[in-house]
Amino acid sequence: MPDLATWGIGAAFAIGWTPCIGPILGAILALSSTHANAEAGMLYLAAYSLGLALPFLGSALFIEHFRQRVRWFSRWSRLLRAFSGLVLVVMGLMVLTGHMTLFASWMLSTFPVLGRFG
């Protein structure tokens, strides 16, 4: 039986993914409902489910390999979490003050190849 932390992580993950999954699943259900046959809808939902399940199955199969590879990473965990928090605060302040737009413009003028992404 999973412990409370596992349930909490699972619940947080589910809540976090709801805005991502909901619109896509809604679009697939809407598309499925417009077709005259149920087979098309089943095919859409099967493809969606497979696409959603494969990354989770892959991560479940290789989690132990991943843990062994990044065991050395744990000693830097506290420092990296503090640094990541600082970066989030700085970026939040930049967005709040409007400096993020200036930074993005500077990045695009300095590194024009970034304009090809997204």
C-alpha atoms as a PDB file:
ATOM      1  CA  MET A   1       0.000   0.000   0.000  1.00  0.00           C
ATOM      2  CA  PRO A   2       1.497   3.375  -0.986  1.00  0.00           C
ATOM      3  CA  ASP A   3       2.240   5.813   1.801  1.00  0.00           C
ATOM      4  CA  LEU A   4       0.683   9.242   2.238  1.00  0.00           C
ATOM      5  CA  ALA A   5       3.515  11.032   0.409  1.00  0.00           C
ATOM      6  CA  THR A   6       2.968   8.885  -2.670  1.00  0.00           C
ATOM      7  CA  TRP A   7      -0.743   9.656  -2.629  1.00  0.00           C
ATOM      8  CA  GLY A   8       0.029  13.369  -2.220  1.00  0.00           C
ATOM      9  CA  ILE A   9       2.450  13.379  -5.144  1.00  0.00           C
ATOM     10  CA  GLY A  10      -0.067  11.517  -7.288  1.00  0.00           C
ATOM     11  CA  ALA A  11      -2.848  13.938  -6.386  1.00  0.00           C
ATOM     12  CA  ALA A  12      -0.644  16.967  -7.090  1.00  0.00           C
ATOM     13  CA  PHE A  13       0.357  15.457 -10.421  1.00  0.00           C
ATOM     14  CA  ALA A  14      -3.268  14.795 -11.349  1.00  0.00           C
ATOM     15  CA  ILE A  15      -4.334  18.319 -10.379  1.00  0.00           C
ATOM     16  CA  GLY A  16      -1.417  19.806 -12.303  1.00  0.00           C
ATOM     17  CA  TRP A  17      -2.190  17.848 -15.450  1.00  0.00           C
ATOM     18  CA  THR A  18      -5.919  18.543 -15.490  1.00  0.00           C
ATOM     19  CA  PRO A  19      -5.612  21.831 -17.454  1.00  0.00           C
ATOM     20  CA  CYS A  20      -3.377  20.090 -19.995  1.00  0.00           C
ATOM     21  CA  ILE A  21      -5.410  16.945 -20.459  1.00  0.00           C
ATOM     22  CA  GLY A  22      -8.921  18.365 -20.169  1.00  0.00           C
ATOM     23  CA  PRO A  23      -9.061  20.456 -23.362  1.00  0.00           C
ATOM     24  CA  ILE A  24      -7.409  17.762 -25.470  1.00  0.00           C
ATOM     25  CA  LEU A  25      -9.660  15.027 -24.151  1.00  0.00           C
ATOM     26  CA  GLY A  26     -12.671  17.305 -24.621  1.00  0.00           C
ATOM     27  CA  ALA A  27     -11.682  17.950 -28.244  1.00  0.00           C
ATOM     28  CA  ILE A  28     -11.250  14.227 -28.885  1.00  0.00           C
ATOM     29  CA  LEU A  29     -14.647  13.463 -27.336  1.00  0.00           C
ATOM     30  CA  ALA A  30     -16.266  16.242 -29.368  1.00  0.00           C
ATOM     31  CA  LEU A  31     -14.653  14.951 -32.559  1.00  0.00           C
ATOM     32  CA  SER A  32     -15.713  11.411 -31.716  1.00  0.00           C
ATOM     33  CA  SER A  33     -19.304  12.479 -31.162  1.00  0.00           C
ATOM     34  CA  THR A  34     -19.569  13.990 -34.639  1.00  0.00           C
ATOM     35  CA  HIS A  35     -18.723  10.717 -36.384  1.00  0.00           C
ATOM     36  CA  ALA A  36     -21.531   8.339 -37.227  1.00  0.00           C
ATOM     37  CA  ASN A  37     -19.736   5.220 -36.035  1.00  0.00           C
ATOM     38  CA  ALA A  38     -18.361   4.326 -32.640  1.00  0.00           C
ATOM     39  CA  GLU A  39     -15.234   2.717 -34.128  1.00  0.00           C
ATOM     40  CA  ALA A  40     -13.738   6.089 -35.070  1.00  0.00           C
ATOM     41  CA  GLY A  41     -14.285   7.410 -31.559  1.00  0.00           C
ATOM     42  CA  MET A  42     -12.747   4.284 -30.076  1.00  0.00           C
ATOM     43  CA  LEU A  43      -9.742   4.671 -32.362  1.00  0.00           C
ATOM     44  CA  TYR A  44      -9.241   8.316 -31.332  1.00  0.00           C
ATOM     45  CA  LEU A  45      -9.511   7.481 -27.641  1.00  0.00           C
ATOM     46  CA  ALA A  46      -7.210   4.460 -27.992  1.00  0.00           C
ATOM     47  CA  ALA A  47      -4.554   6.584 -29.706  1.00  0.00           C
ATOM     48  CA  TYR A  48      -4.929   9.266 -27.034  1.00  0.00           C
ATOM     49  CA  SER A  49      -4.663   6.705 -24.224  1.00  0.00           C
ATOM     50  CA  LEU A  50      -1.641   5.057 -25.795  1.00  0.00           C
ATOM     51  CA  GLY A  51       0.096   8.400 -26.254  1.00  0.00           C
ATOM     52  CA  LEU A  52      -0.632   9.273 -22.644  1.00  0.00           C
ATOM     53  CA  ALA A  53       0.410   5.888 -21.258  1.00  0.00           C
ATOM     54  CA  LEU A  54       3.685   5.277 -23.114  1.00  0.00           C
ATOM     55  CA  PRO A  55       5.774   7.923 -21.292  1.00  0.00           C
ATOM     56  CA  PHE A  56       4.530   6.651 -17.931  1.00  0.00           C
ATOM     57  CA  LEU A  57       5.208   3.030 -18.804  1.00  0.00           C
ATOM     58  CA  GLY A  58       8.679   3.942 -20.059  1.00  0.00           C
ATOM     59  CA  SER A  59       9.483   5.888 -16.925  1.00  0.00           C
ATOM     60  CA  ALA A  60       8.222   3.011 -14.758  1.00  0.00           C
ATOM     61  CA  LEU A  61      10.428   0.542 -16.614  1.00  0.00           C
ATOM     62  CA  PHE A  62      13.563   2.678 -16.366  1.00  0.00           C
ATOM     63  CA  ILE A  63      13.119   4.345 -12.962  1.00  0.00           C
ATOM     64  CA  GLU A  64      15.696   2.180 -11.214  1.00  0.00           C
ATOM     65  CA  HIS A  65      18.242   2.792 -13.958  1.00  0.00           C
ATOM     66  CA  PHE A  66      17.532   6.517 -13.648  1.00  0.00           C
ATOM     67  CA  ARG A  67      17.943   6.422  -9.859  1.00  0.00           C
ATOM     68  CA  GLN A  68      21.338   4.753 -10.134  1.00  0.00           C
ATOM     69  CA  ARG A  69      22.519   7.262 -12.717  1.00  0.00           C
ATOM     70  CA  VAL A  70      21.580  10.358 -10.711  1.00  0.00           C
ATOM     71  CA  ARG A  71      22.458   9.196  -7.215  1.00  0.00           C
ATOM     72  CA  TRP A  72      25.431  11.570  -7.234  1.00  0.00           C
ATOM     73  CA  PHE A  73      23.024  14.413  -7.966  1.00  0.00           C
ATOM     74  CA  SER A  74      21.479  14.284  -4.491  1.00  0.00           C
ATOM     75  CA  ARG A  75      24.412  16.042  -2.831  1.00  0.00           C
ATOM     76  CA  TRP A  76      23.714  19.132  -4.963  1.00  0.00           C
ATOM     77  CA  SER A  77      19.948  18.968  -4.472  1.00  0.00           C
ATOM     78  CA  ARG A  78      19.664  21.581  -1.730  1.00  0.00           C
ATOM     79  CA  LEU A  79      21.825  24.110  -3.572  1.00  0.00           C
ATOM     80  CA  LEU A  80      19.961  23.560  -6.851  1.00  0.00           C
ATOM     81  CA  ARG A  81      16.573  23.954  -5.182  1.00  0.00           C
ATOM     82  CA  ALA A  82      17.684  27.253  -3.637  1.00  0.00           C
ATOM     83  CA  PHE A  83      19.062  28.453  -6.976  1.00  0.00           C
ATOM     84  CA  SER A  84      15.881  27.401  -8.803  1.00  0.00           C
ATOM     85  CA  GLY A  85      13.753  29.252  -6.267  1.00  0.00           C
ATOM     86  CA  LEU A  86      15.866  32.370  -6.715  1.00  0.00           C
ATOM     87  CA  VAL A  87      15.517  32.161 -10.503  1.00  0.00           C
ATOM     88  CA  LEU A  88      11.715  31.839 -10.146  1.00  0.00           C
ATOM     89  CA  VAL A  89      11.529  34.873  -7.867  1.00  0.00           C
ATOM     90  CA  VAL A  90      13.729  36.958 -10.193  1.00  0.00           C
ATOM     91  CA  MET A  91      11.698  35.948 -13.245  1.00  0.00           C
ATOM     92  CA  GLY A  92       8.452  36.696 -11.428  1.00  0.00           C
ATOM     93  CA  LEU A  93       9.721  40.169 -10.558  1.00  0.00           C
ATOM     94  CA  MET A  94      10.825  40.675 -14.160  1.00  0.00           C
ATOM     95  CA  VAL A  95       7.355  39.738 -15.421  1.00  0.00           C
ATOM     96  CA  LEU A  96       5.735  41.985 -12.810  1.00  0.00           C
ATOM     97  CA  THR A  97       7.879  44.999 -13.718  1.00  0.00           C
ATOM     98  CA  GLY A  98       7.840  44.436 -17.492  1.00  0.00           C
ATOM     99  CA  HIS A  99      11.550  43.694 -17.747  1.00  0.00           C
ATOM    100  CA  MET A 100      10.929  40.190 -19.031  1.00  0.00           C
ATOM    101  CA  THR A 101       9.847  41.621 -22.393  1.00  0.00           C
ATOM    102  CA  LEU A 102      13.055  43.634 -22.582  1.00  0.00           C
ATOM    103  CA  PHE A 103      15.074  40.550 -21.699  1.00  0.00           C
ATOM    104  CA  ALA A 104      13.285  38.482 -24.360  1.00  0.00           C
ATOM    105  CA  SER A 105      13.956  41.187 -26.961  1.00  0.00           C
ATOM    106  CA  TRP A 106      17.614  41.285 -25.985  1.00  0.00           C
ATOM    107  CA  MET A 107      17.863  37.492 -26.203  1.00  0.00           C
ATOM    108  CA  LEU A 108      16.316  37.485 -29.700  1.00  0.00           C
ATOM    109  CA  SER A 109      18.625  40.227 -30.942  1.00  0.00           C
ATOM    110  CA  THR A 110      21.706  38.550 -29.422  1.00  0.00           C
ATOM    111  CA  PHE A 111      20.761  34.997 -30.407  1.00  0.00           C
ATOM    112  CA  PRO A 112      18.554  35.194 -33.522  1.00  0.00           C
ATOM    113  CA  VAL A 113      18.395  31.408 -33.801  1.00  0.00           C
ATOM    114  CA  LEU A 114      16.031  31.435 -30.782  1.00  0.00           C
ATOM    115  CA  GLY A 115      13.378  33.041 -32.987  1.00  0.00           C
ATOM    116  CA  ARG A 116      13.016  29.750 -34.891  1.00  0.00           C
ATOM    117  CA  PHE A 117      11.795  27.856 -31.818  1.00  0.00           C
ATOM    118  CA  GLY A 118       8.113  27.759 -30.978  1.00  0.00           C
END
